[in-house]
Amino acid sequence: MVGMAVGTLLMTAAGGVINAYVLLPLYAAVFHMPMSALIAAGTKVNPAITDLSGFIFLVVVPFNLLKGTIVSVLTFLLYKHVSPILHGKY
């Protein structure tokens, strides 16, 4: 349980940093749009989003927390059933 919680928090932190400095700029470059267009799209959904850091903290971080929580709950519920297969004791 502790490992899943720590993993979720580390994934969330890494996801925020990677999105801010790699993925969002890459997305903007590939689709030939300014970063301000991405921020504007976020502002339409949540008026509190006014800059890149707001986008990261109000969109990316909650998404990654939700994703990590869902994966952790599924892992908790399924691991005992899958463990014998993973350890070759089926």
PDB file of N, CA and C in Angstrom:
ATOM      1  N   MET A   1       0.823  -1.185   0.000  1.00  0.00           N
ATOM      2  CA  MET A   1       0.000   0.000   0.000  1.00  0.00           C
ATOM      3  C   MET A   1       0.874   1.259   0.000  1.00  0.00           C
ATOM      4  N   VAL A   2       1.904   1.238   0.838  1.00  0.00           N
ATOM      5  CA  VAL A   2       2.787   2.395   0.907  1.00  0.00           C
ATOM      6  C   VAL A   2       3.503   2.576  -0.431  1.00  0.00           C
ATOM      7  N   GLY A   3       3.956   1.482  -1.013  1.00  0.00           N
ATOM      8  CA  GLY A   3       4.641   1.544  -2.300  1.00  0.00           C
ATOM      9  C   GLY A   3       3.757   2.102  -3.398  1.00  0.00           C
ATOM     10  N   MET A   4       2.494   1.705  -3.391  1.00  0.00           N
ATOM     11  CA  MET A   4       1.566   2.218  -4.409  1.00  0.00           C
ATOM     12  C   MET A   4       1.309   3.703  -4.203  1.00  0.00           C
ATOM     13  N   ALA A   5       1.189   4.132  -2.956  1.00  0.00           N
ATOM     14  CA  ALA A   5       0.968   5.553  -2.669  1.00  0.00           C
ATOM     15  C   ALA A   5       2.185   6.388  -3.073  1.00  0.00           C
ATOM     16  N   VAL A   6       3.364   5.918  -2.701  1.00  0.00           N
ATOM     17  CA  VAL A   6       4.598   6.639  -3.063  1.00  0.00           C
ATOM     18  C   VAL A   6       4.774   6.648  -4.577  1.00  0.00           C
ATOM     19  N   GLY A   7       4.503   5.515  -5.217  1.00  0.00           N
ATOM     20  CA  GLY A   7       4.606   5.447  -6.677  1.00  0.00           C
ATOM     21  C   GLY A   7       3.649   6.410  -7.359  1.00  0.00           C
ATOM     22  N   THR A   8       2.428   6.512  -6.840  1.00  0.00           N
ATOM     23  CA  THR A   8       1.459   7.444  -7.409  1.00  0.00           C
ATOM     24  C   THR A   8       1.940   8.881  -7.270  1.00  0.00           C
ATOM     25  N   LEU A   9       2.470   9.231  -6.103  1.00  0.00           N
ATOM     26  CA  LEU A   9       2.964  10.603  -5.900  1.00  0.00           C
ATOM     27  C   LEU A   9       4.177  10.908  -6.777  1.00  0.00           C
ATOM     28  N   LEU A  10       5.091   9.942  -6.896  1.00  0.00           N
ATOM     29  CA  LEU A  10       6.264  10.162  -7.758  1.00  0.00           C
ATOM     30  C   LEU A  10       5.864  10.247  -9.228  1.00  0.00           C
ATOM     31  N   MET A  11       4.917   9.403  -9.654  1.00  0.00           N
ATOM     32  CA  MET A  11       4.432   9.459 -11.030  1.00  0.00           C
ATOM     33  C   MET A  11       3.765  10.808 -11.304  1.00  0.00           C
ATOM     34  N   THR A  12       3.019  11.305 -10.333  1.00  0.00           N
ATOM     35  CA  THR A  12       2.343  12.586 -10.491  1.00  0.00           C
ATOM     36  C   THR A  12       3.359  13.719 -10.625  1.00  0.00           C
ATOM     37  N   ALA A  13       4.374  13.714  -9.777  1.00  0.00           N
ATOM     38  CA  ALA A  13       5.406  14.755  -9.848  1.00  0.00           C
ATOM     39  C   ALA A  13       6.177  14.677 -11.166  1.00  0.00           C
ATOM     40  N   ALA A  14       6.593  13.477 -11.545  1.00  0.00           N
ATOM     41  CA  ALA A  14       7.330  13.314 -12.802  1.00  0.00           C
ATOM     42  C   ALA A  14       6.445  13.684 -13.989  1.00  0.00           C
ATOM     43  N   GLY A  15       5.176  13.299 -13.934  1.00  0.00           N
ATOM     44  CA  GLY A  15       4.251  13.636 -15.018  1.00  0.00           C
ATOM     45  C   GLY A  15       4.082  15.136 -15.179  1.00  0.00           C
ATOM     46  N   GLY A  16       4.026  15.857 -14.073  1.00  0.00           N
ATOM     47  CA  GLY A  16       3.913  17.318 -14.153  1.00  0.00           C
ATOM     48  C   GLY A  16       5.138  17.945 -14.801  1.00  0.00           C
ATOM     49  N   VAL A  17       6.307  17.519 -14.382  1.00  0.00           N
ATOM     50  CA  VAL A  17       7.553  18.071 -14.931  1.00  0.00           C
ATOM     51  C   VAL A  17       7.707  17.712 -16.408  1.00  0.00           C
ATOM     52  N   ILE A  18       7.482  16.454 -16.745  1.00  0.00           N
ATOM     53  CA  ILE A  18       7.647  16.017 -18.132  1.00  0.00           C
ATOM     54  C   ILE A  18       6.632  16.691 -19.047  1.00  0.00           C
ATOM     55  N   ASN A  19       5.398  16.843 -18.577  1.00  0.00           N
ATOM     56  CA  ASN A  19       4.400  17.544 -19.388  1.00  0.00           C
ATOM     57  C   ASN A  19       4.779  19.002 -19.594  1.00  0.00           C
ATOM     58  N   ALA A  20       5.264  19.647 -18.554  1.00  0.00           N
ATOM     59  CA  ALA A  20       5.593  21.072 -18.654  1.00  0.00           C
ATOM     60  C   ALA A  20       6.756  21.332 -19.603  1.00  0.00           C
ATOM     61  N   TYR A  21       7.786  20.490 -19.542  1.00  0.00           N
ATOM     62  CA  TYR A  21       9.006  20.788 -20.286  1.00  0.00           C
ATOM     63  C   TYR A  21       9.212  19.968 -21.553  1.00  0.00           C
ATOM     64  N   VAL A  22       8.461  18.868 -21.717  1.00  0.00           N
ATOM     65  CA  VAL A  22       8.672  18.018 -22.892  1.00  0.00           C
ATOM     66  C   VAL A  22       7.387  17.834 -23.694  1.00  0.00           C
ATOM     67  N   LEU A  23       6.391  17.217 -23.087  1.00  0.00           N
ATOM     68  CA  LEU A  23       5.222  16.776 -23.847  1.00  0.00           C
ATOM     69  C   LEU A  23       4.354  17.915 -24.373  1.00  0.00           C
ATOM     70  N   LEU A  24       4.022  18.888 -23.536  1.00  0.00           N
ATOM     71  CA  LEU A  24       3.184  19.986 -24.026  1.00  0.00           C
ATOM     72  C   LEU A  24       3.897  20.833 -25.082  1.00  0.00           C
ATOM     73  N   PRO A  25       5.176  21.186 -24.887  1.00  0.00           N
ATOM     74  CA  PRO A  25       5.866  21.895 -25.972  1.00  0.00           C
ATOM     75  C   PRO A  25       5.966  21.073 -27.257  1.00  0.00           C
ATOM     76  N   LEU A  26       6.188  19.757 -27.125  1.00  0.00           N
ATOM     77  CA  LEU A  26       6.250  18.888 -28.298  1.00  0.00           C
ATOM     78  C   LEU A  26       4.897  18.833 -28.992  1.00  0.00           C
ATOM     79  N   TYR A  27       3.832  18.690 -28.223  1.00  0.00           N
ATOM     80  CA  TYR A  27       2.476  18.680 -28.777  1.00  0.00           C
ATOM     81  C   TYR A  27       2.192  19.972 -29.536  1.00  0.00           C
ATOM     82  N   ALA A  28       2.561  21.096 -28.941  1.00  0.00           N
ATOM     83  CA  ALA A  28       2.344  22.389 -29.589  1.00  0.00           C
ATOM     84  C   ALA A  28       3.154  22.487 -30.887  1.00  0.00           C
ATOM     85  N   ALA A  29       4.384  21.985 -30.874  1.00  0.00           N
ATOM     86  CA  ALA A  29       5.225  22.053 -32.070  1.00  0.00           C
ATOM     87  C   ALA A  29       4.700  21.154 -33.182  1.00  0.00           C
ATOM     88  N   VAL A  30       4.290  19.941 -32.829  1.00  0.00           N
ATOM     89  CA  VAL A  30       3.804  18.997 -33.832  1.00  0.00           C
ATOM     90  C   VAL A  30       2.538  19.516 -34.501  1.00  0.00           C
ATOM     91  N   PHE A  31       1.655  20.113 -33.722  1.00  0.00           N
ATOM     92  CA  PHE A  31       0.401  20.609 -34.276  1.00  0.00           C
ATOM     93  C   PHE A  31       0.450  22.085 -34.664  1.00  0.00           C
ATOM     94  N   HIS A  32       1.659  22.640 -34.695  1.00  0.00           N
ATOM     95  CA  HIS A  32       1.895  24.018 -35.153  1.00  0.00           C
ATOM     96  C   HIS A  32       0.964  25.017 -34.465  1.00  0.00           C
ATOM     97  N   MET A  33       0.931  24.948 -33.149  1.00  0.00           N
ATOM     98  CA  MET A  33       0.127  25.890 -32.393  1.00  0.00           C
ATOM     99  C   MET A  33       0.967  26.470 -31.266  1.00  0.00           C
ATOM    100  N   PRO A  34       0.697  27.699 -30.893  1.00  0.00           N
ATOM    101  CA  PRO A  34       1.443  28.280 -29.768  1.00  0.00           C
ATOM    102  C   PRO A  34       0.975  27.674 -28.440  1.00  0.00           C
ATOM    103  N   MET A  35       1.840  27.704 -27.468  1.00  0.00           N
ATOM    104  CA  MET A  35       1.464  27.204 -26.143  1.00  0.00           C
ATOM    105  C   MET A  35       0.269  27.974 -25.592  1.00  0.00           C
ATOM    106  N   SER A  36       0.153  29.224 -25.973  1.00  0.00           N
ATOM    107  CA  SER A  36      -0.975  30.024 -25.483  1.00  0.00           C
ATOM    108  C   SER A  36      -2.315  29.442 -25.926  1.00  0.00           C
ATOM    109  N   ALA A  37      -2.342  28.747 -27.062  1.00  0.00           N
ATOM    110  CA  ALA A  37      -3.576  28.109 -27.519  1.00  0.00           C
ATOM    111  C   ALA A  37      -3.955  26.945 -26.602  1.00  0.00           C
ATOM    112  N   LEU A  38      -2.956  26.201 -26.135  1.00  0.00           N
ATOM    113  CA  LEU A  38      -3.230  25.122 -25.184  1.00  0.00           C
ATOM    114  C   LEU A  38      -3.752  25.683 -23.866  1.00  0.00           C
ATOM    115  N   ILE A  39      -3.123  26.760 -23.421  1.00  0.00           N
ATOM    116  CA  ILE A  39      -3.551  27.397 -22.171  1.00  0.00           C
ATOM    117  C   ILE A  39      -4.970  27.935 -22.326  1.00  0.00           C
ATOM    118  N   ALA A  40      -5.266  28.519 -23.470  1.00  0.00           N
ATOM    119  CA  ALA A  40      -6.610  29.048 -23.725  1.00  0.00           C
ATOM    120  C   ALA A  40      -7.652  27.942 -23.717  1.00  0.00           C
ATOM    121  N   ALA A  41      -7.314  26.777 -24.241  1.00  0.00           N
ATOM    122  CA  ALA A  41      -8.237  25.647 -24.211  1.00  0.00           C
ATOM    123  C   ALA A  41      -8.511  25.230 -22.767  1.00  0.00           C
ATOM    124  N   GLY A  42      -7.480  25.226 -21.952  1.00  0.00           N
ATOM    125  CA  GLY A  42      -7.667  24.905 -20.535  1.00  0.00           C
ATOM    126  C   GLY A  42      -8.482  25.956 -19.817  1.00  0.00           C
ATOM    127  N   THR A  43      -8.290  27.220 -20.195  1.00  0.00           N
ATOM    128  CA  THR A  43      -9.029  28.322 -19.576  1.00  0.00           C
ATOM    129  C   THR A  43     -10.517  28.216 -19.870  1.00  0.00           C
ATOM    130  N   LYS A  44     -10.867  27.709 -21.060  1.00  0.00           N
ATOM    131  CA  LYS A  44     -12.284  27.539 -21.397  1.00  0.00           C
ATOM    132  C   LYS A  44     -12.952  26.526 -20.470  1.00  0.00           C
ATOM    133  N   VAL A  45     -12.204  25.508 -20.061  1.00  0.00           N
ATOM    134  CA  VAL A  45     -12.741  24.485 -19.172  1.00  0.00           C
ATOM    135  C   VAL A  45     -12.720  24.962 -17.716  1.00  0.00           C
ATOM    136  N   ASN A  46     -11.620  25.604 -17.324  1.00  0.00           N
ATOM    137  CA  ASN A  46     -11.458  26.084 -15.955  1.00  0.00           C
ATOM    138  C   ASN A  46     -10.854  27.481 -16.002  1.00  0.00           C
ATOM    139  N   PRO A  47     -11.627  28.512 -15.700  1.00  0.00           N
ATOM    140  CA  PRO A  47     -11.130  29.887 -15.781  1.00  0.00           C
ATOM    141  C   PRO A  47      -9.931  30.175 -14.872  1.00  0.00           C
ATOM    142  N   ALA A  48      -9.659  29.331 -13.893  1.00  0.00           N
ATOM    143  CA  ALA A  48      -8.514  29.537 -13.008  1.00  0.00           C
ATOM    144  C   ALA A  48      -7.187  29.240 -13.707  1.00  0.00           C
ATOM    145  N   ILE A  49      -7.235  28.578 -14.861  1.00  0.00           N
ATOM    146  CA  ILE A  49      -6.015  28.268 -15.613  1.00  0.00           C
ATOM    147  C   ILE A  49      -5.643  29.494 -16.435  1.00  0.00           C
ATOM    148  N   THR A  50      -4.528  30.115 -16.058  1.00  0.00           N
ATOM    149  CA  THR A  50      -4.101  31.339 -16.755  1.00  0.00           C
ATOM    150  C   THR A  50      -2.705  31.228 -17.355  1.00  0.00           C
ATOM    151  N   ASP A  51      -1.950  30.208 -16.954  1.00  0.00           N
ATOM    152  CA  ASP A  51      -0.595  30.033 -17.473  1.00  0.00           C
ATOM    153  C   ASP A  51      -0.227  28.550 -17.450  1.00  0.00           C
ATOM    154  N   LEU A  52       0.997  28.243 -17.860  1.00  0.00           N
ATOM    155  CA  LEU A  52       1.426  26.849 -17.945  1.00  0.00           C
ATOM    156  C   LEU A  52       1.425  26.172 -16.580  1.00  0.00           C
ATOM    157  N   SER A  53       1.888  26.848 -15.553  1.00  0.00           N
ATOM    158  CA  SER A  53       1.908  26.223 -14.227  1.00  0.00           C
ATOM    159  C   SER A  53       0.489  25.947 -13.735  1.00  0.00           C
ATOM    160  N   GLY A  54      -0.439  26.842 -14.022  1.00  0.00           N
ATOM    161  CA  GLY A  54      -1.837  26.595 -13.674  1.00  0.00           C
ATOM    162  C   GLY A  54      -2.387  25.400 -14.416  1.00  0.00           C
ATOM    163  N   PHE A  55      -2.026  25.260 -15.691  1.00  0.00           N
ATOM    164  CA  PHE A  55      -2.454  24.114 -16.489  1.00  0.00           C
ATOM    165  C   PHE A  55      -1.925  22.818 -15.888  1.00  0.00           C
ATOM    166  N   ILE A  56      -0.651  22.837 -15.501  1.00  0.00           N
ATOM    167  CA  ILE A  56      -0.034  21.643 -14.921  1.00  0.00           C
ATOM    168  C   ILE A  56      -0.724  21.274 -13.610  1.00  0.00           C
ATOM    169  N   PHE A  57      -0.904  22.265 -12.713  1.00  0.00           N
ATOM    170  CA  PHE A  57      -1.457  21.969 -11.391  1.00  0.00           C
ATOM    171  C   PHE A  57      -2.960  21.720 -11.388  1.00  0.00           C
ATOM    172  N   LEU A  58      -3.674  22.243 -12.367  1.00  0.00           N
ATOM    173  CA  LEU A  58      -5.126  22.088 -12.376  1.00  0.00           C
ATOM    174  C   LEU A  58      -5.637  21.052 -13.379  1.00  0.00           C
ATOM    175  N   VAL A  59      -4.766  20.578 -14.280  1.00  0.00           N
ATOM    176  CA  VAL A  59      -5.183  19.567 -15.256  1.00  0.00           C
ATOM    177  C   VAL A  59      -4.310  18.313 -15.145  1.00  0.00           C
ATOM    178  N   VAL A  60      -3.020  18.473 -15.307  1.00  0.00           N
ATOM    179  CA  VAL A  60      -2.110  17.325 -15.379  1.00  0.00           C
ATOM    180  C   VAL A  60      -1.992  16.618 -14.026  1.00  0.00           C
ATOM    181  N   VAL A  61      -1.768  17.369 -12.965  1.00  0.00           N
ATOM    182  CA  VAL A  61      -1.588  16.750 -11.643  1.00  0.00           C
ATOM    183  C   VAL A  61      -2.844  15.995 -11.191  1.00  0.00           C
ATOM    184  N   PRO A  62      -4.042  16.601 -11.256  1.00  0.00           N
ATOM    185  CA  PRO A  62      -5.223  15.815 -10.859  1.00  0.00           C
ATOM    186  C   PRO A  62      -5.439  14.571 -11.723  1.00  0.00           C
ATOM    187  N   PHE A  63      -5.188  14.683 -13.026  1.00  0.00           N
ATOM    188  CA  PHE A  63      -5.327  13.520 -13.896  1.00  0.00           C
ATOM    189  C   PHE A  63      -4.381  12.403 -13.472  1.00  0.00           C
ATOM    190  N   ASN A  64      -3.120  12.746 -13.212  1.00  0.00           N
ATOM    191  CA  ASN A  64      -2.148  11.731 -12.821  1.00  0.00           C
ATOM    192  C   ASN A  64      -2.466  11.142 -11.451  1.00  0.00           C
ATOM    193  N   LEU A  65      -2.983  11.943 -10.525  1.00  0.00           N
ATOM    194  CA  LEU A  65      -3.406  11.407  -9.229  1.00  0.00           C
ATOM    195  C   LEU A  65      -4.563  10.422  -9.398  1.00  0.00           C
ATOM    196  N   LEU A  66      -5.523  10.780 -10.234  1.00  0.00           N
ATOM    197  CA  LEU A  66      -6.651   9.893 -10.485  1.00  0.00           C
ATOM    198  C   LEU A  66      -6.189   8.599 -11.152  1.00  0.00           C
ATOM    199  N   LYS A  67      -5.330   8.728 -12.159  1.00  0.00           N
ATOM    200  CA  LYS A  67      -4.812   7.555 -12.862  1.00  0.00           C
ATOM    201  C   LYS A  67      -4.036   6.649 -11.910  1.00  0.00           C
ATOM    202  N   GLY A  68      -3.172   7.217 -11.095  1.00  0.00           N
ATOM    203  CA  GLY A  68      -2.392   6.425 -10.144  1.00  0.00           C
ATOM    204  C   GLY A  68      -3.266   5.743  -9.112  1.00  0.00           C
ATOM    205  N   THR A  69      -4.306   6.431  -8.677  1.00  0.00           N
ATOM    206  CA  THR A  69      -5.225   5.842  -7.707  1.00  0.00           C
ATOM    207  C   THR A  69      -5.983   4.666  -8.315  1.00  0.00           C
ATOM    208  N   ILE A  70      -6.473   4.831  -9.532  1.00  0.00           N
ATOM    209  CA  ILE A  70      -7.200   3.750 -10.198  1.00  0.00           C
ATOM    210  C   ILE A  70      -6.292   2.539 -10.414  1.00  0.00           C
ATOM    211  N   VAL A  71      -5.079   2.771 -10.886  1.00  0.00           N
ATOM    212  CA  VAL A  71      -4.143   1.664 -11.111  1.00  0.00           C
ATOM    213  C   VAL A  71      -3.786   0.985  -9.793  1.00  0.00           C
ATOM    214  N   SER A  72      -3.603   1.757  -8.736  1.00  0.00           N
ATOM    215  CA  SER A  72      -3.270   1.178  -7.431  1.00  0.00           C
ATOM    216  C   SER A  72      -4.414   0.334  -6.883  1.00  0.00           C
ATOM    217  N   VAL A  73      -5.635   0.823  -6.995  1.00  0.00           N
ATOM    218  CA  VAL A  73      -6.792   0.062  -6.512  1.00  0.00           C
ATOM    219  C   VAL A  73      -6.938  -1.236  -7.303  1.00  0.00           C
ATOM    220  N   LEU A  74      -6.805  -1.156  -8.627  1.00  0.00           N
ATOM    221  CA  LEU A  74      -6.893  -2.368  -9.448  1.00  0.00           C
ATOM    222  C   LEU A  74      -5.784  -3.358  -9.095  1.00  0.00           C
ATOM    223  N   THR A  75      -4.590  -2.852  -8.882  1.00  0.00           N
ATOM    224  CA  THR A  75      -3.473  -3.718  -8.497  1.00  0.00           C
ATOM    225  C   THR A  75      -3.757  -4.382  -7.156  1.00  0.00           C
ATOM    226  N   PHE A  76      -4.256  -3.609  -6.205  1.00  0.00           N
ATOM    227  CA  PHE A  76      -4.572  -4.146  -4.887  1.00  0.00           C
ATOM    228  C   PHE A  76      -5.615  -5.259  -4.981  1.00  0.00           C
ATOM    229  N   LEU A  77      -6.621  -5.048  -5.816  1.00  0.00           N
ATOM    230  CA  LEU A  77      -7.701  -6.024  -5.934  1.00  0.00           C
ATOM    231  C   LEU A  77      -7.298  -7.276  -6.722  1.00  0.00           C
ATOM    232  N   LEU A  78      -6.401  -7.133  -7.691  1.00  0.00           N
ATOM    233  CA  LEU A  78      -6.084  -8.242  -8.587  1.00  0.00           C
ATOM    234  C   LEU A  78      -4.784  -8.976  -8.281  1.00  0.00           C
ATOM    235  N   TYR A  79      -3.891  -8.387  -7.518  1.00  0.00           N
ATOM    236  CA  TYR A  79      -2.555  -8.960  -7.367  1.00  0.00           C
ATOM    237  C   TYR A  79      -2.572 -10.374  -6.792  1.00  0.00           C
ATOM    238  N   LYS A  80      -3.377 -10.621  -5.766  1.00  0.00           N
ATOM    239  CA  LYS A  80      -3.415 -11.953  -5.157  1.00  0.00           C
ATOM    240  C   LYS A  80      -3.837 -13.022  -6.162  1.00  0.00           C
ATOM    241  N   HIS A  81      -4.710 -12.663  -7.089  1.00  0.00           N
ATOM    242  CA  HIS A  81      -5.191 -13.619  -8.081  1.00  0.00           C
ATOM    243  C   HIS A  81      -4.167 -13.857  -9.196  1.00  0.00           C
ATOM    244  N   VAL A  82      -3.385 -12.862  -9.499  1.00  0.00           N
ATOM    245  CA  VAL A  82      -2.431 -12.939 -10.601  1.00  0.00           C
ATOM    246  C   VAL A  82      -1.047 -13.377 -10.111  1.00  0.00           C
ATOM    247  N   SER A  83      -0.777 -13.222  -8.840  1.00  0.00           N
ATOM    248  CA  SER A  83       0.533 -13.516  -8.278  1.00  0.00           C
ATOM    249  C   SER A  83       1.044 -14.916  -8.605  1.00  0.00           C
ATOM    250  N   PRO A  84       0.236 -15.981  -8.484  1.00  0.00           N
ATOM    251  CA  PRO A  84       0.763 -17.325  -8.821  1.00  0.00           C
ATOM    252  C   PRO A  84       1.215 -17.422 -10.279  1.00  0.00           C
ATOM    253  N   ILE A  85       0.524 -16.767 -11.176  1.00  0.00           N
ATOM    254  CA  ILE A  85       0.922 -16.798 -12.594  1.00  0.00           C
ATOM    255  C   ILE A  85       2.241 -16.076 -12.774  1.00  0.00           C
ATOM    256  N   LEU A  86       2.397 -14.936 -12.121  1.00  0.00           N
ATOM    257  CA  LEU A  86       3.637 -14.153 -12.236  1.00  0.00           C
ATOM    258  C   LEU A  86       4.839 -14.904 -11.661  1.00  0.00           C
ATOM    259  N   HIS A  87       4.601 -15.709 -10.642  1.00  0.00           N
ATOM    260  CA  HIS A  87       5.692 -16.435 -10.010  1.00  0.00           C
ATOM    261  C   HIS A  87       5.842 -17.861 -10.533  1.00  0.00           C
ATOM    262  N   GLY A  88       5.125 -18.185 -11.609  1.00  0.00           N
ATOM    263  CA  GLY A  88       5.255 -19.498 -12.239  1.00  0.00           C
ATOM    264  C   GLY A  88       4.672 -20.647 -11.442  1.00  0.00           C
ATOM    265  N   LYS A  89       3.718 -20.371 -10.580  1.00  0.00           N
ATOM    266  CA  LYS A  89       3.108 -21.412  -9.749  1.00  0.00           C
ATOM    267  C   LYS A  89       1.657 -21.633 -10.126  1.00  0.00           C
ATOM    268  N   TYR A  90       1.379 -21.634 -11.389  1.00  0.00           N
ATOM    269  CA  TYR A  90      -0.003 -21.825 -11.818  1.00  0.00           C
ATOM    270  C   TYR A  90      -0.227 -23.278 -12.018  1.00  0.00           C
TER     271      TYR A  90
END
